[in-house]
């Protein structure tokens, strides 16, 4: 199996200390952990950026259309709304459409809706 070359493939990391450079050899578990963190960090940052864009887009629509629906909380990659019964059908259709449309990616962004009297019931 051909392995893609990464900065971690040589199992060493250069650490800058004062004006000297020391080379530290990492154990296999430490190297694996560092590789996972290096891969995960950009994904987590992108997810955070996407949810922020979704919040801005949804709030803009709520304001423009003078909706009574209120965005009340963000929990990781979820947005929690307080929705009057009269706007429930609109919110079920519009909010996921708006959220899914904040970025054009090679893979589709999907936003699901859960409805309940509280956050637990909405799951």
Protein backbone atom coordinates (compact mmCIF):
# COMPACT_ATOMS: atom_id res chain seq x y z
CA UNK A 1 0.00 0.00 0.00
CA UNK A 2 1.37 3.39 -1.00
CA UNK A 3 1.16 5.86 1.87
CA UNK A 4 0.72 9.54 1.21
CA UNK A 5 3.59 11.60 2.56
CA UNK A 6 2.62 13.84 5.45
CA UNK A 7 4.62 15.95 7.87
CA UNK A 8 3.95 13.24 10.41
CA UNK A 9 5.06 10.31 8.26
CA UNK A 10 8.65 10.65 9.45
CA UNK A 11 7.39 10.64 13.06
CA UNK A 12 9.20 13.74 14.11
CA UNK A 13 8.23 17.26 14.94
CA UNK A 14 10.50 20.26 15.09
CA UNK A 15 10.01 22.30 18.24
CA UNK A 16 11.34 25.81 18.43
CA UNK A 17 12.91 26.57 21.79
CA UNK A 18 14.55 29.90 22.29
CA UNK A 19 16.63 30.28 19.12
CA UNK A 20 17.48 26.59 18.75
CA UNK A 21 15.56 23.81 17.10
CA UNK A 22 15.18 20.41 18.75
CA UNK A 23 13.91 17.38 16.93
CA UNK A 24 11.54 15.17 18.96
CA UNK A 25 10.69 11.68 17.81
CA UNK A 26 7.07 10.84 18.58
CA UNK A 27 5.82 7.40 19.50
CA UNK A 28 3.36 5.72 17.13
CA UNK A 29 0.29 6.55 19.32
CA UNK A 30 1.42 10.18 19.67
CA UNK A 31 1.98 10.41 15.92
CA UNK A 32 -1.47 8.94 15.24
CA UNK A 33 -3.06 11.40 17.66
CA UNK A 34 -1.24 14.33 16.04
CA UNK A 35 -2.36 13.19 12.57
CA UNK A 36 -6.01 12.94 13.72
CA UNK A 37 -5.84 16.39 15.28
CA UNK A 38 -4.28 17.88 12.14
CA UNK A 39 -7.04 16.39 9.99
CA UNK A 40 -9.87 17.27 12.41
CA UNK A 41 -8.97 20.91 13.11
CA UNK A 42 -9.78 22.28 9.63
CA UNK A 43 -13.05 20.30 9.56
CA UNK A 44 -14.12 21.67 12.95
CA UNK A 45 -13.24 25.19 11.86
CA UNK A 46 -15.19 24.80 8.63
CA UNK A 47 -18.22 23.46 10.52
CA UNK A 48 -18.06 26.44 12.88
CA UNK A 49 -17.87 28.84 9.92
CA UNK A 50 -20.84 27.15 8.23
CA UNK A 51 -23.07 27.37 11.31
CA UNK A 52 -22.16 31.05 11.70
CA UNK A 53 -23.06 31.70 8.06
CA UNK A 54 -26.33 29.82 8.58
CA UNK A 55 -27.16 31.90 11.65
CA UNK A 56 -26.55 35.13 9.74
CA UNK A 57 -28.61 33.98 6.75
CA UNK A 58 -31.55 32.72 8.81
CA UNK A 59 -31.62 35.82 11.04
CA UNK A 60 -31.51 38.03 7.96
CA UNK A 61 -34.56 36.27 6.55
CA UNK A 62 -36.40 36.45 9.88
CA UNK A 63 -35.72 40.20 10.06
CA UNK A 64 -36.54 40.91 6.39
CA UNK A 65 -39.82 39.02 6.56
CA UNK A 66 -40.67 40.31 10.07
CA UNK A 67 -41.23 36.78 11.33
CA UNK A 68 -42.22 36.07 14.93
CA UNK A 69 -39.88 33.04 14.93
CA UNK A 70 -36.88 33.60 17.19
CA UNK A 71 -33.46 31.96 17.01
CA UNK A 72 -32.72 31.35 20.69
CA UNK A 73 -29.64 29.15 20.90
CA UNK A 74 -26.83 27.40 19.07
CA UNK A 75 -25.69 23.99 20.30
CA UNK A 76 -22.65 22.75 18.34
CA UNK A 77 -24.01 22.33 14.80
CA UNK A 78 -27.65 22.91 15.70
CA UNK A 79 -29.78 26.01 15.86
CA UNK A 80 -32.74 26.12 18.25
CA UNK A 81 -35.75 28.27 17.43
CA UNK A 82 -38.88 29.33 19.21
CA UNK A 83 -41.56 29.10 16.51
CA UNK A 84 -45.18 30.22 16.80
CA UNK A 85 -47.68 27.62 15.62
CA UNK A 86 -48.69 29.92 12.73
CA UNK A 87 -45.11 29.87 11.34
CA UNK A 88 -44.31 26.21 11.91
CA UNK A 89 -44.89 25.12 8.30
CA UNK A 90 -42.80 28.04 7.03
CA UNK A 91 -39.97 27.27 9.47
CA UNK A 92 -39.92 23.56 8.60
CA UNK A 93 -39.44 24.42 4.91
CA UNK A 94 -37.47 27.66 4.91
CA UNK A 95 -34.94 27.25 7.73
CA UNK A 96 -33.27 24.06 6.42
CA UNK A 97 -33.32 25.44 2.85
CA UNK A 98 -31.62 28.65 4.00
CA UNK A 99 -29.09 26.77 6.13
CA UNK A 100 -28.23 24.32 3.34
CA UNK A 101 -27.72 27.19 0.91
CA UNK A 102 -25.01 29.10 2.78
CA UNK A 103 -22.12 27.50 0.87
CA UNK A 104 -21.57 25.72 -2.43
CA UNK A 105 -19.52 22.61 -1.72
CA UNK A 106 -18.67 19.47 -3.67
CA UNK A 107 -20.99 17.59 -1.31
CA UNK A 108 -24.49 18.72 -0.38
CA UNK A 109 -25.12 20.49 2.90
CA UNK A 110 -28.11 18.92 4.60
CA UNK A 111 -30.12 20.49 7.40
CA UNK A 112 -32.73 18.41 9.22
CA UNK A 113 -35.63 19.73 11.28
CA UNK A 114 -36.93 18.37 14.53
CA UNK A 115 -40.02 19.76 16.22
CA UNK A 116 -40.99 19.45 19.87
CA UNK A 117 -42.05 21.33 22.96
CA UNK A 118 -38.40 21.37 24.06
CA UNK A 119 -34.95 20.57 22.68
CA UNK A 120 -35.04 16.99 23.96
CA UNK A 121 -38.38 16.25 22.29
CA UNK A 122 -37.20 17.79 19.03
CA UNK A 123 -34.59 15.05 18.75
